[in-house]
Amino acid sequence: MRERGRRFSDAYFSLSVLANHESHPRLGLAIATRTFGTAVLRNRVKRIARESFRMHQHALPPIDITLAARAAARTALPRELRASLDRHWQSIAHRW
């Protein structure tokens, strides 16, 4: 899916978006152990991403989203990650 999807990215996240045949959007997470190391850091980013997706999924079209976290997300504050994801959801909803 990542090869065929439309890309959205910034310093913290890279998202690949592709239309699906469901009636709702779906989220897949790719949080690399090599990038984040400890489970605590990986799970923190996953929790933030899932919660942000839950808050915005009603505004998204029926798409599949693969979210990959970049190394900069490891040291970012939670509010920076949320702001980045908010911008991505708005951009996807606007452009899709």
N, C-alpha and C. Protein backbone atom coordinates (compact mmCIF):
# COMPACT_ATOMS: atom_id res chain seq x y z
N MET A 1 0.81 -1.18 0.00
CA MET A 1 0.00 0.00 0.00
C MET A 1 0.86 1.26 0.00
N ARG A 2 1.95 1.24 0.71
CA ARG A 2 2.77 2.44 0.81
C ARG A 2 3.28 2.89 -0.55
N GLU A 3 3.53 1.97 -1.46
CA GLU A 3 4.06 2.34 -2.77
C GLU A 3 2.99 3.00 -3.64
N ARG A 4 1.74 2.59 -3.51
CA ARG A 4 0.67 3.10 -4.37
C ARG A 4 -0.04 4.31 -3.80
N GLY A 5 0.05 4.53 -2.51
CA GLY A 5 -0.71 5.59 -1.86
C GLY A 5 -0.14 6.98 -2.09
N ARG A 6 -0.98 7.96 -1.81
CA ARG A 6 -0.56 9.36 -1.86
C ARG A 6 0.17 9.70 -0.57
N ARG A 7 1.27 10.44 -0.66
CA ARG A 7 2.12 10.69 0.49
C ARG A 7 1.88 12.06 1.10
N PHE A 8 1.92 12.09 2.43
CA PHE A 8 1.90 13.33 3.21
C PHE A 8 3.00 13.16 4.25
N SER A 9 3.86 14.17 4.41
CA SER A 9 4.93 14.00 5.39
C SER A 9 5.38 15.34 5.95
N ASP A 10 6.01 15.25 7.11
CA ASP A 10 6.66 16.38 7.75
C ASP A 10 7.82 15.82 8.57
N ALA A 11 8.33 16.59 9.50
CA ALA A 11 9.49 16.16 10.28
C ALA A 11 9.18 14.98 11.19
N TYR A 12 7.92 14.83 11.61
CA TYR A 12 7.56 13.82 12.60
C TYR A 12 6.94 12.56 12.02
N PHE A 13 6.16 12.70 10.95
CA PHE A 13 5.41 11.57 10.42
C PHE A 13 5.44 11.54 8.89
N SER A 14 5.30 10.33 8.38
CA SER A 14 5.10 10.12 6.95
C SER A 14 3.83 9.28 6.82
N LEU A 15 2.86 9.79 6.06
CA LEU A 15 1.59 9.09 5.90
C LEU A 15 1.40 8.70 4.44
N SER A 16 0.91 7.50 4.22
CA SER A 16 0.55 7.03 2.90
C SER A 16 -0.95 6.77 2.93
N VAL A 17 -1.68 7.35 1.96
CA VAL A 17 -3.14 7.30 1.97
C VAL A 17 -3.63 6.67 0.66
N LEU A 18 -4.56 5.74 0.79
CA LEU A 18 -5.11 5.04 -0.36
C LEU A 18 -6.60 4.80 -0.11
N ALA A 19 -7.42 4.96 -1.13
CA ALA A 19 -8.86 4.74 -0.99
C ALA A 19 -9.12 3.28 -0.62
N ASN A 20 -10.17 3.06 0.20
CA ASN A 20 -10.56 1.69 0.53
C ASN A 20 -12.01 1.46 0.12
N HIS A 21 -12.48 0.24 0.25
CA HIS A 21 -13.84 -0.11 -0.16
C HIS A 21 -14.76 -0.26 1.05
N GLU A 22 -14.37 0.32 2.15
CA GLU A 22 -15.18 0.29 3.36
C GLU A 22 -15.99 1.58 3.43
N SER A 23 -16.72 1.75 4.50
CA SER A 23 -17.50 2.97 4.68
C SER A 23 -16.86 3.92 5.68
N HIS A 24 -15.63 3.59 6.09
CA HIS A 24 -14.96 4.40 7.11
C HIS A 24 -13.44 4.37 6.88
N PRO A 25 -12.72 5.35 7.44
CA PRO A 25 -11.25 5.34 7.33
C PRO A 25 -10.64 4.32 8.29
N ARG A 26 -9.47 3.82 7.92
CA ARG A 26 -8.74 2.88 8.77
C ARG A 26 -7.31 3.36 8.93
N LEU A 27 -6.71 3.05 10.08
CA LEU A 27 -5.36 3.50 10.40
C LEU A 27 -4.46 2.31 10.65
N GLY A 28 -3.26 2.35 10.05
CA GLY A 28 -2.22 1.38 10.33
C GLY A 28 -0.99 2.13 10.81
N LEU A 29 -0.31 1.58 11.81
CA LEU A 29 0.85 2.25 12.39
C LEU A 29 2.13 1.48 12.08
N ALA A 30 3.17 2.23 11.74
CA ALA A 30 4.50 1.65 11.51
C ALA A 30 5.48 2.44 12.37
N ILE A 31 5.70 1.96 13.59
CA ILE A 31 6.58 2.63 14.54
C ILE A 31 7.79 1.72 14.74
N ALA A 32 8.90 2.06 14.13
CA ALA A 32 10.06 1.17 14.07
C ALA A 32 10.82 1.10 15.39
N THR A 33 11.16 -0.12 15.77
CA THR A 33 11.98 -0.34 16.96
C THR A 33 13.35 0.28 16.78
N ARG A 34 13.88 0.20 15.58
CA ARG A 34 15.20 0.76 15.30
C ARG A 34 15.22 2.27 15.52
N THR A 35 14.13 2.93 15.18
CA THR A 35 14.04 4.38 15.31
C THR A 35 13.80 4.80 16.75
N PHE A 36 12.92 4.08 17.46
CA PHE A 36 12.49 4.51 18.79
C PHE A 36 13.15 3.76 19.93
N GLY A 37 13.60 2.55 19.70
CA GLY A 37 14.28 1.81 20.76
C GLY A 37 13.32 1.19 21.75
N THR A 38 13.00 1.92 22.81
CA THR A 38 12.23 1.33 23.89
C THR A 38 10.73 1.27 23.57
N ALA A 39 10.07 0.31 24.19
CA ALA A 39 8.63 0.15 24.02
C ALA A 39 7.88 1.35 24.59
N VAL A 40 8.42 1.97 25.61
CA VAL A 40 7.77 3.13 26.21
C VAL A 40 7.64 4.26 25.19
N LEU A 41 8.70 4.54 24.45
CA LEU A 41 8.65 5.60 23.44
C LEU A 41 7.74 5.23 22.28
N ARG A 42 7.82 3.97 21.83
CA ARG A 42 6.95 3.53 20.73
C ARG A 42 5.48 3.60 21.11
N ASN A 43 5.16 3.15 22.30
CA ASN A 43 3.77 3.14 22.74
C ASN A 43 3.23 4.55 22.96
N ARG A 44 4.08 5.46 23.38
CA ARG A 44 3.65 6.86 23.56
C ARG A 44 3.20 7.44 22.22
N VAL A 45 4.00 7.22 21.19
CA VAL A 45 3.66 7.74 19.86
C VAL A 45 2.41 7.05 19.33
N LYS A 46 2.28 5.75 19.56
CA LYS A 46 1.09 5.02 19.11
C LYS A 46 -0.17 5.55 19.78
N ARG A 47 -0.10 5.78 21.09
CA ARG A 47 -1.27 6.30 21.82
C ARG A 47 -1.70 7.66 21.28
N ILE A 48 -0.74 8.53 21.05
CA ILE A 48 -1.03 9.87 20.54
C ILE A 48 -1.64 9.78 19.15
N ALA A 49 -1.08 8.93 18.29
CA ALA A 49 -1.58 8.79 16.92
C ALA A 49 -2.99 8.21 16.91
N ARG A 50 -3.24 7.18 17.70
CA ARG A 50 -4.57 6.57 17.74
C ARG A 50 -5.62 7.55 18.25
N GLU A 51 -5.30 8.27 19.30
CA GLU A 51 -6.26 9.22 19.87
C GLU A 51 -6.55 10.34 18.88
N SER A 52 -5.52 10.84 18.23
CA SER A 52 -5.72 11.89 17.24
C SER A 52 -6.59 11.40 16.09
N PHE A 53 -6.34 10.17 15.63
CA PHE A 53 -7.15 9.59 14.56
C PHE A 53 -8.61 9.45 14.99
N ARG A 54 -8.83 8.97 16.22
CA ARG A 54 -10.20 8.82 16.72
C ARG A 54 -10.95 10.15 16.74
N MET A 55 -10.24 11.22 17.09
CA MET A 55 -10.87 12.52 17.17
C MET A 55 -11.21 13.10 15.79
N HIS A 56 -10.51 12.67 14.75
CA HIS A 56 -10.68 13.25 13.41
C HIS A 56 -11.28 12.31 12.37
N GLN A 57 -11.51 11.07 12.72
CA GLN A 57 -11.94 10.10 11.71
C GLN A 57 -13.29 10.44 11.09
N HIS A 58 -14.14 11.15 11.81
CA HIS A 58 -15.45 11.51 11.27
C HIS A 58 -15.35 12.48 10.08
N ALA A 59 -14.24 13.22 10.01
CA ALA A 59 -14.06 14.19 8.93
C ALA A 59 -13.30 13.61 7.74
N LEU A 60 -12.83 12.36 7.86
CA LEU A 60 -12.03 11.75 6.80
C LEU A 60 -12.88 10.89 5.88
N PRO A 61 -12.52 10.82 4.60
CA PRO A 61 -13.23 9.94 3.66
C PRO A 61 -12.86 8.48 3.92
N PRO A 62 -13.49 7.52 3.25
CA PRO A 62 -13.13 6.11 3.44
C PRO A 62 -11.77 5.80 2.79
N ILE A 63 -10.75 5.85 3.59
CA ILE A 63 -9.38 5.65 3.12
C ILE A 63 -8.62 4.75 4.10
N ASP A 64 -7.53 4.19 3.62
CA ASP A 64 -6.58 3.48 4.47
C ASP A 64 -5.37 4.38 4.65
N ILE A 65 -4.96 4.57 5.88
CA ILE A 65 -3.83 5.43 6.20
C ILE A 65 -2.76 4.59 6.88
N THR A 66 -1.56 4.62 6.33
CA THR A 66 -0.42 4.01 7.00
C THR A 66 0.45 5.14 7.53
N LEU A 67 0.61 5.19 8.84
CA LEU A 67 1.35 6.26 9.50
C LEU A 67 2.68 5.70 9.98
N ALA A 68 3.77 6.30 9.51
CA ALA A 68 5.11 5.91 9.94
C ALA A 68 5.72 7.09 10.70
N ALA A 69 6.25 6.81 11.87
CA ALA A 69 6.87 7.86 12.67
C ALA A 69 8.35 7.99 12.30
N ARG A 70 8.80 9.21 12.27
CA ARG A 70 10.20 9.49 11.96
C ARG A 70 10.99 9.73 13.24
N ALA A 71 12.30 9.77 13.12
CA ALA A 71 13.18 9.89 14.29
C ALA A 71 12.91 11.15 15.10
N ALA A 72 12.51 12.24 14.46
CA ALA A 72 12.27 13.49 15.18
C ALA A 72 11.12 13.35 16.17
N ALA A 73 10.20 12.41 15.93
CA ALA A 73 9.07 12.21 16.84
C ALA A 73 9.51 11.66 18.19
N ARG A 74 10.67 11.05 18.22
CA ARG A 74 11.18 10.47 19.48
C ARG A 74 11.38 11.54 20.55
N THR A 75 11.86 12.72 20.16
CA THR A 75 12.17 13.76 21.14
C THR A 75 11.13 14.88 21.16
N ALA A 76 10.12 14.78 20.32
CA ALA A 76 9.10 15.84 20.24
C ALA A 76 8.17 15.78 21.45
N LEU A 77 7.64 16.94 21.80
CA LEU A 77 6.64 17.02 22.86
C LEU A 77 5.31 16.48 22.34
N PRO A 78 4.48 15.93 23.22
CA PRO A 78 3.18 15.42 22.77
C PRO A 78 2.34 16.46 22.04
N ARG A 79 2.37 17.70 22.47
CA ARG A 79 1.57 18.72 21.79
C ARG A 79 2.07 18.98 20.37
N GLU A 80 3.38 18.83 20.14
CA GLU A 80 3.93 18.99 18.80
C GLU A 80 3.46 17.85 17.89
N LEU A 81 3.43 16.64 18.44
CA LEU A 81 2.96 15.48 17.66
C LEU A 81 1.48 15.62 17.33
N ARG A 82 0.69 16.05 18.31
CA ARG A 82 -0.75 16.25 18.06
C ARG A 82 -0.98 17.32 17.01
N ALA A 83 -0.24 18.42 17.09
CA ALA A 83 -0.39 19.50 16.11
C ALA A 83 0.00 19.02 14.71
N SER A 84 1.04 18.23 14.61
CA SER A 84 1.46 17.68 13.32
C SER A 84 0.37 16.78 12.74
N LEU A 85 -0.17 15.91 13.57
CA LEU A 85 -1.23 15.01 13.10
C LEU A 85 -2.48 15.78 12.74
N ASP A 86 -2.83 16.81 13.50
CA ASP A 86 -4.00 17.64 13.16
C ASP A 86 -3.84 18.24 11.77
N ARG A 87 -2.65 18.73 11.47
CA ARG A 87 -2.40 19.30 10.14
C ARG A 87 -2.53 18.24 9.06
N HIS A 88 -2.05 17.04 9.33
CA HIS A 88 -2.16 15.95 8.35
C HIS A 88 -3.61 15.58 8.10
N TRP A 89 -4.41 15.45 9.15
CA TRP A 89 -5.81 15.07 8.97
C TRP A 89 -6.54 16.16 8.17
N GLN A 90 -6.28 17.41 8.46
CA GLN A 90 -6.92 18.50 7.72
C GLN A 90 -6.48 18.49 6.26
N SER A 91 -5.22 18.26 6.02
CA SER A 91 -4.70 18.22 4.67
C SER A 91 -5.31 17.05 3.89
N ILE A 92 -5.43 15.91 4.50
CA ILE A 92 -6.01 14.75 3.83
C ILE A 92 -7.48 15.01 3.52
N ALA A 93 -8.22 15.52 4.49
CA ALA A 93 -9.64 15.78 4.28
C ALA A 93 -9.85 16.83 3.18
N HIS A 94 -8.97 17.80 3.11
CA HIS A 94 -9.10 18.87 2.12
C HIS A 94 -8.74 18.39 0.71
N ARG A 95 -7.67 17.63 0.60
CA ARG A 95 -7.16 17.22 -0.71
C ARG A 95 -7.80 15.96 -1.27
N TRP A 96 -8.42 15.14 -0.42
CA TRP A 96 -8.92 13.86 -0.88
C TRP A 96 -10.25 13.99 -1.53
